C-alpha atoms as a PDB file:
ATOM      1  CA  MET A   1      83.389   0.091  10.281  1.00  0.00           C
ATOM      2  CA  GLU A   2      84.759   1.543   7.176  1.00  0.00           C
ATOM      3  CA  GLN A   3      81.345   1.153   5.910  1.00  0.00           C
ATOM      4  CA  ARG A   4      79.501   1.923   8.871  1.00  0.00           C
ATOM      5  CA  LEU A   5      81.940   5.383   8.647  1.00  0.00           C
ATOM      6  CA  ASP A   6      80.954   6.249   4.913  1.00  0.00           C
ATOM      7  CA  ARG A   7      77.234   5.720   5.296  1.00  0.00           C
ATOM      8  CA  ALA A   8      76.979   8.191   8.480  1.00  0.00           C
ATOM      9  CA  SER A   9      79.975  10.610   6.728  1.00  0.00           C
ATOM     10  CA  ALA A  10      77.312  10.318   3.410  1.00  0.00           C
ATOM     11  CA  ALA A  11      74.252  10.742   5.222  1.00  0.00           C
ATOM     12  CA  VAL A  12      75.502  13.988   7.302  1.00  0.00           C
ATOM     13  CA  GLU A  13      76.628  15.717   4.170  1.00  0.00           C
ATOM     14  CA  ALA A  14      73.580  15.345   2.681  1.00  0.00           C
ATOM     15  CA  LEU A  15      71.544  16.516   5.854  1.00  0.00           C
ATOM     16  CA  GLU A  16      74.121  19.723   6.334  1.00  0.00           C
ATOM     17  CA  VAL A  17      73.365  20.593   2.241  1.00  0.00           C
ATOM     18  CA  ALA A  18      69.468  19.993   2.927  1.00  0.00           C
ATOM     19  CA  LEU A  19      69.109  21.881   6.301  1.00  0.00           C
ATOM     20  CA  GLY A  20      70.861  24.805   4.419  1.00  0.00           C
ATOM     21  CA  GLN A  21      68.199  24.258   1.824  1.00  0.00           C
ATOM     22  CA  TYR A  22      65.540  24.128   4.189  1.00  0.00           C
ATOM     23  CA  ALA A  23      66.916  27.230   5.996  1.00  0.00           C
ATOM     24  CA  ALA A  24      67.047  29.162   2.675  1.00  0.00           C
ATOM     25  CA  VAL A  25      62.963  28.914   2.471  1.00  0.00           C
ATOM     26  CA  GLN A  26      61.783  29.719   5.819  1.00  0.00           C
ATOM     27  CA  ASP A  27      60.249  32.841   4.874  1.00  0.00           C
ATOM     28  CA  ASP A  28      58.899  31.456   2.105  1.00  0.00           C
ATOM     29  CA  LEU A  29      57.390  29.396   4.584  1.00  0.00           C
ATOM     30  CA  ALA A  30      56.296  32.320   6.669  1.00  0.00           C
ATOM     31  CA  GLU A  31      54.719  33.881   3.353  1.00  0.00           C
ATOM     32  CA  LEU A  32      52.834  30.727   2.481  1.00  0.00           C
ATOM     33  CA  ASP A  33      51.396  30.549   5.891  1.00  0.00           C
ATOM     34  CA  THR A  34      50.490  34.075   5.726  1.00  0.00           C
ATOM     35  CA  TYR A  35      48.912  33.819   2.531  1.00  0.00           C
ATOM     36  CA  LEU A  36      46.409  30.736   3.188  1.00  0.00           C
ATOM     37  CA  GLY A  37      42.868  31.838   4.130  1.00  0.00           C
ATOM     38  CA  SER A  38      43.727  35.227   3.581  1.00  0.00           C
ATOM     39  CA  PRO A  39      41.542  37.752   1.505  1.00  0.00           C
ATOM     40  CA  GLU A  40      44.468  37.727  -0.972  1.00  0.00           C
ATOM     41  CA  TRP A  41      44.400  33.911  -1.768  1.00  0.00           C
ATOM     42  CA  HIS A  42      40.341  34.148  -1.479  1.00  0.00           C
ATOM     43  CA  ALA A  43      40.771  36.941  -4.559  1.00  0.00           C
ATOM     44  CA  ASP A  44      43.030  34.484  -6.601  1.00  0.00           C
ATOM     45  CA  ARG A  45      41.360  31.665  -6.162  1.00  0.00           C
ATOM     46  CA  ALA A  46      37.738  33.653  -7.352  1.00  0.00           C
ATOM     47  CA  ASP A  47      40.116  35.354 -10.540  1.00  0.00           C
ATOM     48  CA  ASP A  48      40.845  31.213 -11.251  1.00  0.00           C
ATOM     49  CA  GLU A  49      37.042  30.470 -10.676  1.00  0.00           C
ATOM     50  CA  ALA A  50      35.661  33.198 -12.691  1.00  0.00           C
ATOM     51  CA  GLY A  51      38.800  32.586 -15.995  1.00  0.00           C
ATOM     52  CA  ARG A  52      40.439  35.587 -15.172  1.00  0.00           C
ATOM     53  CA  LEU A  53      44.091  33.865 -14.334  1.00  0.00           C
ATOM     54  CA  PRO A  54      46.362  32.988 -17.842  1.00  0.00           C
ATOM     55  CA  GLN A  55      45.741  29.173 -18.826  1.00  0.00           C
ATOM     56  CA  GLY A  56      49.362  27.932 -18.324  1.00  0.00           C
ATOM     57  CA  LEU A  57      49.567  30.288 -15.218  1.00  0.00           C
ATOM     58  CA  LYS A  58      50.466  27.448 -12.039  1.00  0.00           C
ATOM     59  CA  ARG A  59      47.792  27.137  -9.362  1.00  0.00           C
ATOM     60  CA  GLY A  60      49.463  24.942  -6.704  1.00  0.00           C
ATOM     61  CA  VAL A  61      48.802  27.619  -4.139  1.00  0.00           C
ATOM     62  CA  LEU A  62      45.121  27.794  -5.132  1.00  0.00           C
ATOM     63  CA  SER A  63      44.955  24.098  -3.871  1.00  0.00           C
ATOM     64  CA  GLU A  64      44.639  24.475  -0.229  1.00  0.00           C
ATOM     65  CA  ASP A  65      45.672  20.964   0.756  1.00  0.00           C
ATOM     66  CA  ALA A  66      48.875  21.567  -1.373  1.00  0.00           C
ATOM     67  CA  ILE A  67      50.273  24.515   1.060  1.00  0.00           C
ATOM     68  CA  TRP A  68      48.141  22.542   4.659  1.00  0.00           C
ATOM     69  CA  ASN A  69      50.314  19.709   3.723  1.00  0.00           C
ATOM     70  CA  LEU A  70      53.398  21.568   3.335  1.00  0.00           C
ATOM     71  CA  LEU A  71      53.024  23.261   6.191  1.00  0.00           C
ATOM     72  CA  GLU A  72      51.965  20.121   8.585  1.00  0.00           C
ATOM     73  CA  ARG A  73      55.226  18.539   6.948  1.00  0.00           C
ATOM     74  CA  HIS A  74      57.206  21.862   8.026  1.00  0.00           C
ATOM     75  CA  ARG A  75      55.195  21.890  11.978  1.00  0.00           C
ATOM     76  CA  ALA A  76      56.121  17.958  11.789  1.00  0.00           C
ATOM     77  CA  LEU A  77      59.962  18.315  11.373  1.00  0.00           C
ATOM     78  CA  ALA A  78      60.342  21.275  13.658  1.00  0.00           C
ATOM     79  CA  ARG A  79      58.804  19.165  16.258  1.00  0.00           C
ATOM     80  CA  TYR A  80      61.264  16.191  15.409  1.00  0.00           C
ATOM     81  CA  ALA A  81      64.207  18.967  15.798  1.00  0.00           C
ATOM     82  CA  CYS A  82      62.341  19.775  19.107  1.00  0.00           C
ATOM     83  CA  MET A  83      62.259  15.754  20.402  1.00  0.00           C
ATOM     84  CA  ALA A  84      65.634  15.752  19.279  1.00  0.00           C
ATOM     85  CA  GLU A  85      67.464  15.572  22.385  1.00  0.00           C
ATOM     86  CA  GLU A  86      64.564  13.648  24.543  1.00  0.00           C
ATOM     87  CA  HIS A  87      66.290  12.139  27.439  1.00  0.00           C
ATOM     88  CA  THR A  88      68.197  15.800  28.334  1.00  0.00           C
ATOM     89  CA  THR A  89      70.932  15.410  30.827  1.00  0.00           C
ATOM     90  CA  PHE A  90      70.970  18.854  32.669  1.00  0.00           C
ATOM     91  CA  ARG A  91      74.081  20.482  33.650  1.00  0.00           C
ATOM     92  CA  PRO A  92      74.723  20.501  37.496  1.00  0.00           C
ATOM     93  CA  MET A  93      75.542  23.717  38.617  1.00  0.00           C
ATOM     94  CA  ARG A  94      79.320  25.082  38.457  1.00  0.00           C
ATOM     95  CA  ARG A  95      79.578  27.488  41.694  1.00  0.00           C
ATOM     96  CA  PHE A  96      77.465  24.452  43.818  1.00  0.00           C
ATOM     97  CA  LYS A  97      78.277  26.071  46.705  1.00  0.00           C
ATOM     98  CA  GLN A  98      76.368  28.875  45.415  1.00  0.00           C
ATOM     99  CA  GLN A  99      73.278  26.903  44.339  1.00  0.00           C
ATOM    100  CA  MET A 100      70.293  27.108  46.732  1.00  0.00           C
ATOM    101  CA  THR A 101      68.058  24.010  47.988  1.00  0.00           C
ATOM    102  CA  ASP A 102      64.866  23.173  46.217  1.00  0.00           C
ATOM    103  CA  GLU A 103      62.901  24.594  49.123  1.00  0.00           C
ATOM    104  CA  GLU A 104      64.613  27.733  49.092  1.00  0.00           C
ATOM    105  CA  CYS A 105      63.877  27.787  45.249  1.00  0.00           C
ATOM    106  CA  ALA A 106      60.214  26.975  45.822  1.00  0.00           C
ATOM    107  CA  ALA A 107      59.928  29.600  48.448  1.00  0.00           C
ATOM    108  CA  LEU A 108      60.987  32.198  45.446  1.00  0.00           C
ATOM    109  CA  LEU A 109      59.002  31.237  42.743  1.00  0.00           C
ATOM    110  CA  GLU A 110      56.121  31.595  45.253  1.00  0.00           C
ATOM    111  CA  LYS A 111      56.848  35.307  46.281  1.00  0.00           C
ATOM    112  CA  ALA A 112      58.303  36.380  42.939  1.00  0.00           C
ATOM    113  CA  PRO A 113      55.779  39.454  41.134  1.00  0.00           C
ATOM    114  CA  ARG A 114      56.679  37.920  37.352  1.00  0.00           C
ATOM    115  CA  GLY A 115      59.072  36.347  35.597  1.00  0.00           C
ATOM    116  CA  ILE A 116      60.706  35.494  31.906  1.00  0.00           C
ATOM    117  CA  LEU A 117      59.754  32.611  30.080  1.00  0.00           C
ATOM    118  CA  ALA A 118      61.737  31.835  27.115  1.00  0.00           C
ATOM    119  CA  VAL A 119      60.663  29.469  24.149  1.00  0.00           C
ATOM    120  CA  LEU A 120      62.136  28.968  20.705  1.00  0.00           C
ATOM    121  CA  GLY A 121      60.551  31.513  18.602  1.00  0.00           C
ATOM    122  CA  ASP A 122      60.369  32.607  15.293  1.00  0.00           C
ATOM    123  CA  GLY A 123      62.950  31.639  12.875  1.00  0.00           C
ATOM    124  CA  GLY A 124      64.711  29.277  15.480  1.00  0.00           C
ATOM    125  CA  TYR A 125      65.566  32.418  17.390  1.00  0.00           C
ATOM    126  CA  PRO A 126      64.816  32.436  21.271  1.00  0.00           C
ATOM    127  CA  TYR A 127      61.744  34.288  22.163  1.00  0.00           C
ATOM    128  CA  THR A 128      61.314  35.631  25.747  1.00  0.00           C
ATOM    129  CA  VAL A 129      58.731  37.439  27.134  1.00  0.00           C
ATOM    130  CA  PRO A 130      57.858  38.941  30.936  1.00  0.00           C
ATOM    131  CA  LEU A 131      55.216  37.371  32.728  1.00  0.00           C
ATOM    132  CA  ASP A 132      53.005  37.257  35.527  1.00  0.00           C
ATOM    133  CA  PHE A 133      52.501  33.552  36.949  1.00  0.00           C
ATOM    134  CA  ILE A 134      51.877  31.179  39.648  1.00  0.00           C
ATOM    135  CA  TYR A 135      53.680  28.479  40.877  1.00  0.00           C
ATOM    136  CA  ALA A 136      51.758  25.486  42.598  1.00  0.00           C
ATOM    137  CA  ASP A 137      51.957  21.929  43.052  1.00  0.00           C
ATOM    138  CA  GLY A 138      55.217  21.686  41.463  1.00  0.00           C
ATOM    139  CA  CYS A 139      53.944  23.622  38.133  1.00  0.00           C
ATOM    140  CA  LEU A 140      53.844  26.797  36.797  1.00  0.00           C
ATOM    141  CA  TYR A 141      50.866  28.570  35.039  1.00  0.00           C
ATOM    142  CA  PHE A 142      50.384  31.722  32.951  1.00  0.00           C
ATOM    143  CA  HIS A 143      47.685  33.385  31.195  1.00  0.00           C
ATOM    144  CA  CYS A 144      47.955  34.273  27.670  1.00  0.00           C
ATOM    145  CA  ALA A 145      46.126  35.407  24.587  1.00  0.00           C
ATOM    146  CA  ARG A 146      44.560  32.961  22.312  1.00  0.00           C
ATOM    147  CA  GLU A 147      46.756  33.394  19.564  1.00  0.00           C
ATOM    148  CA  GLY A 148      50.556  35.344  19.067  1.00  0.00           C
ATOM    149  CA  HIS A 149      54.202  34.592  18.762  1.00  0.00           C
ATOM    150  CA  LYS A 150      54.136  32.783  22.456  1.00  0.00           C
ATOM    151  CA  LEU A 151      51.709  30.318  21.486  1.00  0.00           C
ATOM    152  CA  ASP A 152      52.757  29.522  17.840  1.00  0.00           C
ATOM    153  CA  ALA A 153      56.040  28.856  19.739  1.00  0.00           C
ATOM    154  CA  ILE A 154      54.832  26.921  21.768  1.00  0.00           C
ATOM    155  CA  ARG A 155      52.844  24.631  19.038  1.00  0.00           C
ATOM    156  CA  ARG A 156      55.838  23.883  17.121  1.00  0.00           C
ATOM    157  CA  CYS A 157      58.256  23.223  20.355  1.00  0.00           C
ATOM    158  CA  ASP A 158      56.537  22.542  23.882  1.00  0.00           C
ATOM    159  CA  LYS A 159      60.470  22.808  25.447  1.00  0.00           C
ATOM    160  CA  ALA A 160      60.506  26.296  27.631  1.00  0.00           C
ATOM    161  CA  SER A 161      62.676  27.867  30.279  1.00  0.00           C
ATOM    162  CA  PHE A 162      61.403  30.589  33.280  1.00  0.00           C
ATOM    163  CA  CYS A 163      63.746  32.391  35.045  1.00  0.00           C
ATOM    164  CA  VAL A 164      62.851  34.338  38.347  1.00  0.00           C
ATOM    165  CA  LEU A 165      64.971  37.281  39.643  1.00  0.00           C
ATOM    166  CA  SER A 166      64.546  38.340  43.370  1.00  0.00           C
ATOM    167  CA  GLU A 167      64.879  42.051  43.977  1.00  0.00           C
ATOM    168  CA  GLY A 168      67.920  42.524  45.881  1.00  0.00           C
ATOM    169  CA  VAL A 169      69.431  43.371  48.649  1.00  0.00           C
ATOM    170  CA  LYS A 170      72.329  45.819  48.849  1.00  0.00           C
ATOM    171  CA  GLU A 171      74.704  45.993  51.214  1.00  0.00           C
ATOM    172  CA  PRO A 172      75.285  49.249  53.422  1.00  0.00           C
ATOM    173  CA  ASP A 173      77.378  51.582  51.752  1.00  0.00           C
ATOM    174  CA  SER A 174      78.330  49.314  49.148  1.00  0.00           C
ATOM    175  CA  TRP A 175      77.519  48.988  45.817  1.00  0.00           C
ATOM    176  CA  TRP A 176      77.378  45.421  44.649  1.00  0.00           C
ATOM    177  CA  TYR A 177      73.667  43.713  45.513  1.00  0.00           C
ATOM    178  CA  HIS A 178      73.079  40.207  47.233  1.00  0.00           C
ATOM    179  CA  PHE A 179      70.052  38.411  45.163  1.00  0.00           C
ATOM    180  CA  GLU A 180      68.695  34.652  44.362  1.00  0.00           C
ATOM    181  CA  SER A 181      67.768  33.744  41.110  1.00  0.00           C
ATOM    182  CA  VAL A 182      65.790  30.103  39.723  1.00  0.00           C
ATOM    183  CA  VAL A 183      65.644  29.209  36.335  1.00  0.00           C
ATOM    184  CA  CYS A 184      63.374  26.505  35.610  1.00  0.00           C
ATOM    185  CA  PHE A 185      63.331  24.172  32.594  1.00  0.00           C
ATOM    186  CA  GLY A 186      60.268  21.935  31.603  1.00  0.00           C
ATOM    187  CA  ARG A 187      57.488  21.918  28.676  1.00  0.00           C
ATOM    188  CA  ILE A 188      54.624  23.669  28.580  1.00  0.00           C
ATOM    189  CA  GLY A 189      51.270  23.374  27.077  1.00  0.00           C
ATOM    190  CA  ILE A 190      47.862  24.919  26.960  1.00  0.00           C
ATOM    191  CA  VAL A 191      45.256  24.007  29.919  1.00  0.00           C
ATOM    192  CA  ASP A 192      42.438  22.095  28.088  1.00  0.00           C
ATOM    193  CA  ASP A 193      39.909  21.489  30.730  1.00  0.00           C
ATOM    194  CA  PRO A 194      37.743  24.658  30.965  1.00  0.00           C
ATOM    195  CA  GLN A 195      36.760  23.936  34.659  1.00  0.00           C
ATOM    196  CA  ARG A 196      40.379  24.083  35.692  1.00  0.00           C
ATOM    197  CA  THR A 197      41.525  26.604  32.993  1.00  0.00           C
ATOM    198  CA  ASP A 198      39.039  28.986  35.223  1.00  0.00           C
ATOM    199  CA  ALA A 199      40.257  27.692  38.505  1.00  0.00           C
ATOM    200  CA  LEU A 200      43.551  28.378  37.231  1.00  0.00           C
ATOM    201  CA  LEU A 201      42.510  32.071  36.478  1.00  0.00           C
ATOM    202  CA  ARG A 202      40.927  32.905  39.515  1.00  0.00           C
ATOM    203  CA  LEU A 203      44.314  32.100  41.240  1.00  0.00           C
ATOM    204  CA  LEU A 204      46.159  34.449  38.655  1.00  0.00           C
ATOM    205  CA  GLY A 205      43.525  37.264  39.698  1.00  0.00           C
ATOM    206  CA  ALA A 206      43.861  36.434  43.092  1.00  0.00           C
ATOM    207  CA  LYS A 207      47.431  37.235  43.367  1.00  0.00           C
ATOM    208  CA  TYR A 208      47.740  40.242  41.096  1.00  0.00           C
ATOM    209  CA  PHE A 209      44.276  41.462  41.822  1.00  0.00           C
ATOM    210  CA  PRO A 210      44.165  44.466  44.830  1.00  0.00           C
ATOM    211  CA  GLN A 211      41.711  43.611  47.288  1.00  0.00           C
ATOM    212  CA  GLY A 212      38.084  43.894  47.000  1.00  0.00           C
ATOM    213  CA  TYR A 213      38.744  43.678  43.538  1.00  0.00           C
ATOM    214  CA  ASP A 214      35.620  41.857  41.289  1.00  0.00           C
ATOM    215  CA  ILE A 215      37.209  38.680  40.295  1.00  0.00           C
ATOM    216  CA  GLU A 216      34.210  37.232  38.668  1.00  0.00           C
ATOM    217  CA  ASP A 217      33.301  40.659  36.952  1.00  0.00           C
ATOM    218  CA  ASP A 218      36.615  39.947  34.966  1.00  0.00           C
ATOM    219  CA  MET A 219      36.087  36.697  34.464  1.00  0.00           C
ATOM    220  CA  GLN A 220      33.073  36.909  33.073  1.00  0.00           C
ATOM    221  CA  LYS A 221      34.701  39.658  30.600  1.00  0.00           C
ATOM    222  CA  ASN A 222      38.030  38.494  29.813  1.00  0.00           C
ATOM    223  CA  ALA A 223      38.192  34.724  31.001  1.00  0.00           C
ATOM    224  CA  PRO A 224      36.386  33.414  27.043  1.00  0.00           C
ATOM    225  CA  ARG A 225      39.569  34.930  25.635  1.00  0.00           C
ATOM    226  CA  ALA A 226      42.111  34.005  27.800  1.00  0.00           C
ATOM    227  CA  TYR A 227      44.173  30.413  27.644  1.00  0.00           C
ATOM    228  CA  VAL A 228      46.169  29.090  30.109  1.00  0.00           C
ATOM    229  CA  LEU A 229      49.366  27.818  30.425  1.00  0.00           C
ATOM    230  CA  GLU A 230      50.878  24.908  32.292  1.00  0.00           C
ATOM    231  CA  MET A 231      54.621  24.406  32.476  1.00  0.00           C
ATOM    232  CA  HIS A 232      55.780  21.087  34.089  1.00  0.00           C
ATOM    233  CA  ILE A 233      59.334  21.476  35.537  1.00  0.00           C
ATOM    234  CA  GLU A 234      62.114  19.048  34.786  1.00  0.00           C
ATOM    235  CA  ASN A 235      64.831  20.524  35.992  1.00  0.00           C
ATOM    236  CA  MET A 236      65.129  23.565  38.533  1.00  0.00           C
ATOM    237  CA  ARG A 237      68.211  25.171  39.832  1.00  0.00           C
ATOM    238  CA  GLY A 238      68.711  28.377  42.310  1.00  0.00           C
ATOM    239  CA  LYS A 239      71.389  30.555  42.507  1.00  0.00           C
ATOM    240  CA  ARG A 240      72.807  32.817  45.470  1.00  0.00           C
ATOM    241  CA  VAL A 241      74.657  35.555  44.056  1.00  0.00           C
ATOM    242  CA  ARG A 242      77.051  38.840  45.761  1.00  0.00           C
ATOM    243  CA  GLU A 243      78.110  40.803  42.544  1.00  0.00           C
ATOM    244  CA  LYS A 244      81.313  41.263  44.278  1.00  0.00           C
END
């Protein structure tokens, strides 16, 4: 057991040092990601091929594979960190008397106009964004552009949470409200079936567009530039709150 303790202690100490060094180069990794394939990178490669760069200058960044392979290893580490707690045990609600039933949670998700999606954003910071959505067949669906912070975060780590809040009801002659909230945890990803994507976009349109709106015309204009995200709910908790 002493040997196990010694090995584990040494490994943890080495990892703490390595994680500190890794955290310190996050800006460098982001800059390399931006640089690769950019006009600046192409100009530097052209200068190198034309012999305009000094002979002794290191050229590792001009090798497409060098930066690409490094970034892929970086992304793999992020995915590994995301999977470190693969078998998550979700906490029970502390105030269980205020807990909503699954049916009540589903009812709120079906009628809520929008909610807040939370993902693991740049630099390990939580990134939250308000989104339109639909709830169908036990999953949440969102639409988004084909690039951006949200998609980059999801590609690094597919764990997400989503929260909706009812409008609330104020007690007569009082300042406090009664309201309900639902928080969902699950895995999120891009729907890769084009026909299913179009069907889900139509469902989103049916929820938000006014009566008589030409959904098909909107589909022709905007669907080719959109993704649909699907969040499989692994845990859902609802809570009734009385502010006083």
